[in-house]
PDB file of all heavy atoms in Angstrom:
ATOM      1  N   ALA A   1      24.153  -0.913  55.165  1.00  0.00           N
ATOM      2  CA  ALA A   1      23.819  -0.543  53.791  1.00  0.00           C
ATOM      3  C   ALA A   1      22.308  -0.583  53.610  1.00  0.00           C
ATOM      4  O   ALA A   1      21.619  -1.436  54.177  1.00  0.00           O
ATOM      5  CB  ALA A   1      24.499  -1.502  52.812  1.00  0.00           C
ATOM      6  N   GLY A   2      21.789   0.344  52.842  1.00  0.00           N
ATOM      7  CA  GLY A   2      20.353   0.395  52.586  1.00  0.00           C
ATOM      8  C   GLY A   2      19.592   1.320  53.507  1.00  0.00           C
ATOM      9  O   GLY A   2      18.384   1.515  53.338  1.00  0.00           O
ATOM     10  N   MET A   3      20.267   1.907  54.506  1.00  0.00           N
ATOM     11  CA  MET A   3      19.667   2.897  55.401  1.00  0.00           C
ATOM     12  C   MET A   3      20.408   4.217  55.244  1.00  0.00           C
ATOM     13  O   MET A   3      21.535   4.259  54.770  1.00  0.00           O
ATOM     14  CB  MET A   3      19.765   2.458  56.867  1.00  0.00           C
ATOM     15  CG  MET A   3      19.121   1.149  57.205  1.00  0.00           C
ATOM     16  SD  MET A   3      19.298   0.821  59.001  1.00  0.00           S
ATOM     17  CE  MET A   3      18.798  -0.890  59.065  1.00  0.00           C
ATOM     18  N   GLN A   4      19.773   5.295  55.681  1.00  0.00           N
ATOM     19  CA  GLN A   4      20.461   6.582  55.702  1.00  0.00           C
ATOM     20  C   GLN A   4      19.877   7.462  56.805  1.00  0.00           C
ATOM     21  O   GLN A   4      18.728   7.308  57.203  1.00  0.00           O
ATOM     22  CB  GLN A   4      20.351   7.296  54.348  1.00  0.00           C
ATOM     23  CG  GLN A   4      18.954   7.750  53.980  1.00  0.00           C
ATOM     24  CD  GLN A   4      18.891   8.433  52.624  1.00  0.00           C
ATOM     25  OE1 GLN A   4      19.769   8.241  51.778  1.00  0.00           O
ATOM     26  NE2 GLN A   4      17.864   9.242  52.396  1.00  0.00           N
ATOM     27  N   TYR A   5      20.701   8.380  57.285  1.00  0.00           N
ATOM     28  CA  TYR A   5      20.241   9.309  58.315  1.00  0.00           C
ATOM     29  C   TYR A   5      19.304  10.348  57.715  1.00  0.00           C
ATOM     30  O   TYR A   5      19.401  10.707  56.535  1.00  0.00           O
ATOM     31  CB  TYR A   5      21.428  10.000  58.989  1.00  0.00           C
ATOM     32  CG  TYR A   5      22.068   9.156  60.072  1.00  0.00           C
ATOM     33  CD1 TYR A   5      23.337   8.608  59.909  1.00  0.00           C
ATOM     34  CD2 TYR A   5      21.392   8.888  61.255  1.00  0.00           C
ATOM     35  CE1 TYR A   5      23.917   7.828  60.903  1.00  0.00           C
ATOM     36  CE2 TYR A   5      21.952   8.115  62.253  1.00  0.00           C
ATOM     37  CZ  TYR A   5      23.217   7.589  62.066  1.00  0.00           C
ATOM     38  OH  TYR A   5      23.777   6.803  63.051  1.00  0.00           O
ATOM     39  N   ILE A   6      18.388  10.823  58.539  1.00  0.00           N
ATOM     40  CA  ILE A   6      17.448  11.875  58.179  1.00  0.00           C
ATOM     41  C   ILE A   6      17.910  13.163  58.843  1.00  0.00           C
ATOM     42  O   ILE A   6      18.160  13.188  60.050  1.00  0.00           O
ATOM     43  CB  ILE A   6      16.029  11.516  58.674  1.00  0.00           C
ATOM     44  CG1 ILE A   6      15.511  10.271  57.945  1.00  0.00           C
ATOM     45  CG2 ILE A   6      15.073  12.691  58.503  1.00  0.00           C
ATOM     46  CD1 ILE A   6      14.247   9.700  58.574  1.00  0.00           C
ATOM     47  N   ASP A   7      18.027  14.229  58.071  1.00  0.00           N
ATOM     48  CA  ASP A   7      18.505  15.483  58.657  1.00  0.00           C
ATOM     49  C   ASP A   7      17.404  16.528  58.834  1.00  0.00           C
ATOM     50  O   ASP A   7      17.674  17.671  59.190  1.00  0.00           O
ATOM     51  CB  ASP A   7      19.647  16.065  57.816  1.00  0.00           C
ATOM     52  CG  ASP A   7      19.251  16.392  56.376  1.00  0.00           C
ATOM     53  OD1 ASP A   7      18.041  16.302  56.061  1.00  0.00           O
ATOM     54  OD2 ASP A   7      20.147  16.723  55.581  1.00  0.00           O
ATOM     55  N   ASP A   8      16.140  16.120  58.615  1.00  0.00           N
ATOM     56  CA  ASP A   8      15.029  17.074  58.708  1.00  0.00           C
ATOM     57  C   ASP A   8      14.938  17.747  60.071  1.00  0.00           C
ATOM     58  O   ASP A   8      14.506  18.897  60.172  1.00  0.00           O
ATOM     59  CB  ASP A   8      13.699  16.371  58.424  1.00  0.00           C
ATOM     60  CG  ASP A   8      13.621  15.768  57.034  1.00  0.00           C
ATOM     61  OD1 ASP A   8      14.457  14.893  56.730  1.00  0.00           O
ATOM     62  OD2 ASP A   8      12.726  16.168  56.265  1.00  0.00           O
ATOM     63  N   PHE A   9      15.331  17.018  61.129  1.00  0.00           N
ATOM     64  CA  PHE A   9      15.144  17.527  62.489  1.00  0.00           C
ATOM     65  C   PHE A   9      16.447  17.987  63.137  1.00  0.00           C
ATOM     66  O   PHE A   9      16.465  18.338  64.314  1.00  0.00           O
ATOM     67  CB  PHE A   9      14.483  16.442  63.353  1.00  0.00           C
ATOM     68  CG  PHE A   9      13.187  15.954  62.781  1.00  0.00           C
ATOM     69  CD1 PHE A   9      13.132  14.782  62.033  1.00  0.00           C
ATOM     70  CD2 PHE A   9      12.015  16.678  62.966  1.00  0.00           C
ATOM     71  CE1 PHE A   9      11.937  14.328  61.491  1.00  0.00           C
ATOM     72  CE2 PHE A   9      10.816  16.239  62.426  1.00  0.00           C
ATOM     73  CZ  PHE A   9      10.771  15.064  61.684  1.00  0.00           C
ATOM     74  N   THR A  10      17.528  18.003  62.362  1.00  0.00           N
ATOM     75  CA  THR A  10      18.819  18.409  62.902  1.00  0.00           C
ATOM     76  C   THR A  10      18.754  19.843  63.433  1.00  0.00           C
ATOM     77  O   THR A  10      18.295  20.757  62.742  1.00  0.00           O
ATOM     78  CB  THR A  10      19.903  18.305  61.819  1.00  0.00           C
ATOM     79  OG1 THR A  10      19.937  16.951  61.330  1.00  0.00           O
ATOM     80  CG2 THR A  10      21.272  18.672  62.374  1.00  0.00           C
ATOM     81  N   ASN A  11      19.161  20.026  64.664  1.00  0.00           N
ATOM     82  CA  ASN A  11      19.230  21.339  65.334  1.00  0.00           C
ATOM     83  C   ASN A  11      17.864  21.948  65.661  1.00  0.00           C
ATOM     84  O   ASN A  11      17.799  23.063  66.193  1.00  0.00           O
ATOM     85  CB  ASN A  11      20.042  22.351  64.504  1.00  0.00           C
ATOM     86  CG  ASN A  11      21.478  21.920  64.305  1.00  0.00           C
ATOM     87  OD1 ASN A  11      22.076  21.298  65.188  1.00  0.00           O
ATOM     88  ND2 ASN A  11      22.040  22.223  63.144  1.00  0.00           N
ATOM     89  N   ALA A  12      16.771  21.240  65.385  1.00  0.00           N
ATOM     90  CA  ALA A  12      15.448  21.818  65.650  1.00  0.00           C
ATOM     91  C   ALA A  12      15.211  22.047  67.132  1.00  0.00           C
ATOM     92  O   ALA A  12      14.435  22.934  67.508  1.00  0.00           O
ATOM     93  CB  ALA A  12      14.361  20.921  65.070  1.00  0.00           C
ATOM     94  N   ARG A  13      15.879  21.274  67.998  1.00  0.00           N
ATOM     95  CA  ARG A  13      15.673  21.408  69.442  1.00  0.00           C
ATOM     96  C   ARG A  13      16.765  22.222  70.121  1.00  0.00           C
ATOM     97  O   ARG A  13      16.853  22.224  71.350  1.00  0.00           O
ATOM     98  CB  ARG A  13      15.592  20.017  70.089  1.00  0.00           C
ATOM     99  CG  ARG A  13      14.414  19.180  69.622  1.00  0.00           C
ATOM    100  CD  ARG A  13      14.366  17.844  70.324  1.00  0.00           C
ATOM    101  NE  ARG A  13      13.395  16.951  69.730  1.00  0.00           N
ATOM    102  CZ  ARG A  13      12.299  16.487  70.353  1.00  0.00           C
ATOM    103  NH1 ARG A  13      12.052  16.831  71.596  1.00  0.00           N
ATOM    104  NH2 ARG A  13      11.473  15.664  69.732  1.00  0.00           N
ATOM    105  N   HIS A  14      17.573  22.911  69.368  1.00  0.00           N
ATOM    106  CA  HIS A  14      18.707  23.627  69.950  1.00  0.00           C
ATOM    107  C   HIS A  14      18.359  25.036  70.426  1.00  0.00           C
ATOM    108  O   HIS A  14      19.212  25.717  70.971  1.00  0.00           O
ATOM    109  CB  HIS A  14      19.861  23.696  68.949  1.00  0.00           C
ATOM    110  CG  HIS A  14      20.563  22.372  68.788  1.00  0.00           C
ATOM    111  ND1 HIS A  14      21.708  22.222  68.049  1.00  0.00           N
ATOM    112  CD2 HIS A  14      20.283  21.144  69.277  1.00  0.00           C
ATOM    113  CE1 HIS A  14      22.102  20.957  68.089  1.00  0.00           C
ATOM    114  NE2 HIS A  14      21.249  20.292  68.826  1.00  0.00           N
ATOM    115  N   HIS A  15      17.131  25.474  70.215  1.00  0.00           N
ATOM    116  CA  HIS A  15      16.739  26.812  70.667  1.00  0.00           C
ATOM    117  C   HIS A  15      16.664  26.854  72.192  1.00  0.00           C
ATOM    118  O   HIS A  15      16.295  25.871  72.840  1.00  0.00           O
ATOM    119  CB  HIS A  15      15.387  27.206  70.075  1.00  0.00           C
ATOM    120  CG  HIS A  15      15.381  27.299  68.578  1.00  0.00           C
ATOM    121  ND1 HIS A  15      15.792  28.417  67.901  1.00  0.00           N
ATOM    122  CD2 HIS A  15      15.035  26.377  67.639  1.00  0.00           C
ATOM    123  CE1 HIS A  15      15.691  28.202  66.595  1.00  0.00           C
ATOM    124  NE2 HIS A  15      15.233  26.972  66.414  1.00  0.00           N
ATOM    125  N   ALA A  16      16.981  27.993  72.761  1.00  0.00           N
ATOM    126  CA  ALA A  16      16.976  28.121  74.217  1.00  0.00           C
ATOM    127  C   ALA A  16      15.559  28.159  74.777  1.00  0.00           C
ATOM    128  O   ALA A  16      15.291  27.652  75.863  1.00  0.00           O
ATOM    129  CB  ALA A  16      17.729  29.388  74.632  1.00  0.00           C
ATOM    130  N   ARG A  17      14.625  28.746  74.029  1.00  0.00           N
ATOM    131  CA  ARG A  17      13.264  28.913  74.528  1.00  0.00           C
ATOM    132  C   ARG A  17      12.413  27.716  74.116  1.00  0.00           C
ATOM    133  O   ARG A  17      12.370  27.331  72.939  1.00  0.00           O
ATOM    134  CB  ARG A  17      12.648  30.208  73.993  1.00  0.00           C
ATOM    135  CG  ARG A  17      13.469  31.449  74.324  1.00  0.00           C
ATOM    136  CD  ARG A  17      12.678  32.735  74.194  1.00  0.00           C
ATOM    137  NE  ARG A  17      11.903  32.833  72.965  1.00  0.00           N
ATOM    138  CZ  ARG A  17      11.019  33.793  72.723  1.00  0.00           C
ATOM    139  NH1 ARG A  17      10.811  34.726  73.649  1.00  0.00           N
ATOM    140  NH2 ARG A  17      10.373  33.843  71.585  1.00  0.00           N
ATOM    141  N   PRO A  18      11.711  27.109  75.092  1.00  0.00           N
ATOM    142  CA  PRO A  18      10.906  25.923  74.774  1.00  0.00           C
ATOM    143  C   PRO A  18       9.906  26.138  73.648  1.00  0.00           C
ATOM    144  O   PRO A  18       9.719  25.267  72.796  1.00  0.00           O
ATOM    145  CB  PRO A  18      10.209  25.603  76.097  1.00  0.00           C
ATOM    146  CG  PRO A  18      11.122  26.166  77.137  1.00  0.00           C
ATOM    147  CD  PRO A  18      11.714  27.405  76.540  1.00  0.00           C
ATOM    148  N   GLN A  19       9.229  27.292  73.625  1.00  0.00           N
ATOM    149  CA  GLN A  19       8.258  27.539  72.564  1.00  0.00           C
ATOM    150  C   GLN A  19       8.931  27.592  71.198  1.00  0.00           C
ATOM    151  O   GLN A  19       8.354  27.138  70.194  1.00  0.00           O
ATOM    152  CB  GLN A  19       7.495  28.835  72.828  1.00  0.00           C
ATOM    153  CG  GLN A  19       6.475  28.727  73.942  1.00  0.00           C
ATOM    154  CD  GLN A  19       5.608  29.962  74.038  1.00  0.00           C
ATOM    155  OE1 GLN A  19       5.718  30.903  73.249  1.00  0.00           O
ATOM    156  NE2 GLN A  19       4.711  29.968  75.028  1.00  0.00           N
ATOM    157  N   ASP A  20      10.143  28.120  71.146  1.00  0.00           N
ATOM    158  CA  ASP A  20      10.872  28.149  69.874  1.00  0.00           C
ATOM    159  C   ASP A  20      11.255  26.739  69.434  1.00  0.00           C
ATOM    160  O   ASP A  20      11.208  26.416  68.238  1.00  0.00           O
ATOM    161  CB  ASP A  20      12.128  29.021  69.994  1.00  0.00           C
ATOM    162  CG  ASP A  20      11.816  30.494  70.160  1.00  0.00           C
ATOM    163  OD1 ASP A  20      10.666  30.891  69.849  1.00  0.00           O
ATOM    164  OD2 ASP A  20      12.698  31.251  70.609  1.00  0.00           O
ATOM    165  N   ARG A  21      11.632  25.881  70.420  1.00  0.00           N
ATOM    166  CA  ARG A  21      11.930  24.497  70.078  1.00  0.00           C
ATOM    167  C   ARG A  21      10.696  23.805  69.513  1.00  0.00           C
ATOM    168  O   ARG A  21      10.760  23.077  68.519  1.00  0.00           O
ATOM    169  CB  ARG A  21      12.437  23.746  71.318  1.00  0.00           C
ATOM    170  CG  ARG A  21      13.792  24.196  71.798  1.00  0.00           C
ATOM    171  CD  ARG A  21      14.454  23.159  72.681  1.00  0.00           C
ATOM    172  NE  ARG A  21      13.746  22.896  73.918  1.00  0.00           N
ATOM    173  CZ  ARG A  21      13.916  23.592  75.052  1.00  0.00           C
ATOM    174  NH1 ARG A  21      14.770  24.615  75.073  1.00  0.00           N
ATOM    175  NH2 ARG A  21      13.250  23.271  76.151  1.00  0.00           N
ATOM    176  N   LEU A  22       9.558  24.026  70.180  1.00  0.00           N
ATOM    177  CA  LEU A  22       8.320  23.399  69.727  1.00  0.00           C
ATOM    178  C   LEU A  22       7.985  23.804  68.294  1.00  0.00           C
ATOM    179  O   LEU A  22       7.674  22.951  67.452  1.00  0.00           O
ATOM    180  CB  LEU A  22       7.170  23.781  70.662  1.00  0.00           C
ATOM    181  CG  LEU A  22       5.767  23.325  70.243  1.00  0.00           C
ATOM    182  CD1 LEU A  22       5.678  21.806  70.211  1.00  0.00           C
ATOM    183  CD2 LEU A  22       4.708  23.899  71.173  1.00  0.00           C
ATOM    184  N   GLU A  23       8.054  25.068  68.010  1.00  0.00           N
ATOM    185  CA  GLU A  23       7.672  25.536  66.673  1.00  0.00           C
ATOM    186  C   GLU A  23       8.685  25.089  65.613  1.00  0.00           C
ATOM    187  O   GLU A  23       8.302  24.801  64.475  1.00  0.00           O
ATOM    188  CB  GLU A  23       7.489  27.050  66.664  1.00  0.00           C
ATOM    189  CG  GLU A  23       6.309  27.517  67.506  1.00  0.00           C
ATOM    190  CD  GLU A  23       5.031  26.718  67.225  1.00  0.00           C
ATOM    191  OE1 GLU A  23       4.711  26.489  66.035  1.00  0.00           O
ATOM    192  OE2 GLU A  23       4.358  26.319  68.200  1.00  0.00           O
ATOM    193  N   ALA A  24       9.961  25.020  65.989  1.00  0.00           N
ATOM    194  CA  ALA A  24      10.964  24.537  65.036  1.00  0.00           C
ATOM    195  C   ALA A  24      10.738  23.072  64.709  1.00  0.00           C
ATOM    196  O   ALA A  24      10.855  22.649  63.545  1.00  0.00           O
ATOM    197  CB  ALA A  24      12.368  24.750  65.601  1.00  0.00           C
ATOM    198  N   VAL A  25      10.410  22.282  65.723  1.00  0.00           N
ATOM    199  CA  VAL A  25      10.139  20.859  65.492  1.00  0.00           C
ATOM    200  C   VAL A  25       8.850  20.689  64.700  1.00  0.00           C
ATOM    201  O   VAL A  25       8.775  19.855  63.789  1.00  0.00           O
ATOM    202  CB  VAL A  25      10.071  20.103  66.832  1.00  0.00           C
ATOM    203  CG1 VAL A  25       9.503  18.696  66.645  1.00  0.00           C
ATOM    204  CG2 VAL A  25      11.461  20.025  67.461  1.00  0.00           C
ATOM    205  N   ARG A  26       7.833  21.471  65.006  1.00  0.00           N
ATOM    206  CA  ARG A  26       6.575  21.383  64.264  1.00  0.00           C
ATOM    207  C   ARG A  26       6.806  21.689  62.774  1.00  0.00           C
ATOM    208  O   ARG A  26       6.302  20.978  61.900  1.00  0.00           O
ATOM    209  CB  ARG A  26       5.548  22.360  64.843  1.00  0.00           C
ATOM    210  CG  ARG A  26       4.117  22.083  64.333  1.00  0.00           C
ATOM    211  CD  ARG A  26       3.185  23.272  64.613  1.00  0.00           C
ATOM    212  NE  ARG A  26       3.242  23.748  65.973  1.00  0.00           N
ATOM    213  CZ  ARG A  26       2.493  23.263  66.974  1.00  0.00           C
ATOM    214  NH1 ARG A  26       1.679  22.254  66.751  1.00  0.00           N
ATOM    215  NH2 ARG A  26       2.586  23.787  68.185  1.00  0.00           N
ATOM    216  N   LYS A  27       7.574  22.728  62.506  1.00  0.00           N
ATOM    217  CA  LYS A  27       7.860  23.091  61.109  1.00  0.00           C
ATOM    218  C   LYS A  27       8.633  21.978  60.416  1.00  0.00           C
ATOM    219  O   LYS A  27       8.336  21.617  59.261  1.00  0.00           O
ATOM    220  CB  LYS A  27       8.646  24.398  61.065  1.00  0.00           C
ATOM    221  CG  LYS A  27       8.969  24.882  59.663  1.00  0.00           C
ATOM    222  CD  LYS A  27       9.700  26.214  59.685  1.00  0.00           C
ATOM    223  CE  LYS A  27      10.032  26.679  58.276  1.00  0.00           C
ATOM    224  NZ  LYS A  27      10.759  27.989  58.297  1.00  0.00           N
ATOM    225  N   ALA A  28       9.625  21.420  61.107  1.00  0.00           N
ATOM    226  CA  ALA A  28      10.400  20.324  60.520  1.00  0.00           C
ATOM    227  C   ALA A  28       9.517  19.103  60.269  1.00  0.00           C
ATOM    228  O   ALA A  28       9.660  18.419  59.250  1.00  0.00           O
ATOM    229  CB  ALA A  28      11.565  19.959  61.443  1.00  0.00           C
ATOM    230  N   ALA A  29       8.599  18.833  61.202  1.00  0.00           N
ATOM    231  CA  ALA A  29       7.706  17.692  61.042  1.00  0.00           C
ATOM    232  C   ALA A  29       6.752  17.884  59.869  1.00  0.00           C
ATOM    233  O   ALA A  29       6.444  16.932  59.135  1.00  0.00           O
ATOM    234  CB  ALA A  29       6.914  17.468  62.334  1.00  0.00           C
ATOM    235  N   GLN A  30       6.288  19.102  59.669  1.00  0.00           N
ATOM    236  CA  GLN A  30       5.420  19.378  58.524  1.00  0.00           C
ATOM    237  C   GLN A  30       6.164  19.143  57.219  1.00  0.00           C
ATOM    238  O   GLN A  30       5.626  18.554  56.271  1.00  0.00           O
ATOM    239  CB  GLN A  30       4.898  20.815  58.599  1.00  0.00           C
ATOM    240  CG  GLN A  30       3.884  21.034  59.708  1.00  0.00           C
ATOM    241  CD  GLN A  30       3.574  22.497  59.958  1.00  0.00           C
ATOM    242  OE1 GLN A  30       4.346  23.407  59.601  1.00  0.00           O
ATOM    243  NE2 GLN A  30       2.436  22.763  60.592  1.00  0.00           N
ATOM    244  N   GLY A  31       7.430  19.591  57.169  1.00  0.00           N
ATOM    245  CA  GLY A  31       8.235  19.368  55.974  1.00  0.00           C
ATOM    246  C   GLY A  31       8.497  17.888  55.739  1.00  0.00           C
ATOM    247  O   GLY A  31       8.430  17.409  54.597  1.00  0.00           O
ATOM    248  N   PHE A  32       8.795  17.165  56.813  1.00  0.00           N
ATOM    249  CA  PHE A  32       9.036  15.734  56.684  1.00  0.00           C
ATOM    250  C   PHE A  32       7.778  15.038  56.188  1.00  0.00           C
ATOM    251  O   PHE A  32       7.845  14.162  55.316  1.00  0.00           O
ATOM    252  CB  PHE A  32       9.475  15.140  58.017  1.00  0.00           C
ATOM    253  CG  PHE A  32       9.675  13.648  57.980  1.00  0.00           C
ATOM    254  CD1 PHE A  32      10.873  13.110  57.534  1.00  0.00           C
ATOM    255  CD2 PHE A  32       8.662  12.784  58.365  1.00  0.00           C
ATOM    256  CE1 PHE A  32      11.059  11.734  57.475  1.00  0.00           C
ATOM    257  CE2 PHE A  32       8.834  11.406  58.315  1.00  0.00           C
ATOM    258  CZ  PHE A  32      10.034  10.882  57.865  1.00  0.00           C
ATOM    259  N   ARG A  33       6.630  15.394  56.728  1.00  0.00           N
ATOM    260  CA  ARG A  33       5.376  14.778  56.302  1.00  0.00           C
ATOM    261  C   ARG A  33       5.141  14.977  54.804  1.00  0.00           C
ATOM    262  O   ARG A  33       4.790  14.025  54.088  1.00  0.00           O
ATOM    263  CB  ARG A  33       4.201  15.341  57.099  1.00  0.00           C
ATOM    264  CG  ARG A  33       2.841  14.894  56.561  1.00  0.00           C
ATOM    265  CD  ARG A  33       1.679  15.372  57.421  1.00  0.00           C
ATOM    266  NE  ARG A  33       0.413  15.159  56.727  1.00  0.00           N
ATOM    267  CZ  ARG A  33      -0.197  13.975  56.644  1.00  0.00           C
ATOM    268  NH1 ARG A  33       0.346  12.917  57.188  1.00  0.00           N
ATOM    269  NH2 ARG A  33      -1.349  13.869  56.013  1.00  0.00           N
ATOM    270  N   GLU A  34       5.337  16.193  54.333  1.00  0.00           N
ATOM    271  CA  GLU A  34       5.131  16.473  52.911  1.00  0.00           C
ATOM    272  C   GLU A  34       6.043  15.615  52.049  1.00  0.00           C
ATOM    273  O   GLU A  34       5.631  15.073  51.014  1.00  0.00           O
ATOM    274  CB  GLU A  34       5.360  17.955  52.640  1.00  0.00           C
ATOM    275  CG  GLU A  34       4.298  18.855  53.265  1.00  0.00           C
ATOM    276  CD  GLU A  34       4.650  20.330  53.161  1.00  0.00           C
ATOM    277  OE1 GLU A  34       5.664  20.651  52.488  1.00  0.00           O
ATOM    278  OE2 GLU A  34       3.931  21.153  53.764  1.00  0.00           O
ATOM    279  N   ARG A  35       7.282  15.481  52.460  1.00  0.00           N
ATOM    280  CA  ARG A  35       8.225  14.650  51.711  1.00  0.00           C
ATOM    281  C   ARG A  35       7.872  13.179  51.808  1.00  0.00           C
ATOM    282  O   ARG A  35       7.909  12.453  50.805  1.00  0.00           O
ATOM    283  CB  ARG A  35       9.648  14.888  52.232  1.00  0.00           C
ATOM    284  CG  ARG A  35      10.705  14.006  51.562  1.00  0.00           C
ATOM    285  CD  ARG A  35      12.109  14.364  52.002  1.00  0.00           C
ATOM    286  NE  ARG A  35      12.389  14.001  53.388  1.00  0.00           N
ATOM    287  CZ  ARG A  35      12.674  12.760  53.785  1.00  0.00           C
ATOM    288  NH1 ARG A  35      12.667  11.761  52.925  1.00  0.00           N
ATOM    289  NH2 ARG A  35      12.949  12.513  55.057  1.00  0.00           N
TER     290      ARG A  35
END
């Protein structure tokens, strides 16, 4: 109790191409930072 899962990065690494994974994670990280 008192904790919760974060879904900001869910599926961000599921892209087949490494560069796509990197950019998806970067975008998710930017959103997480703002929040």
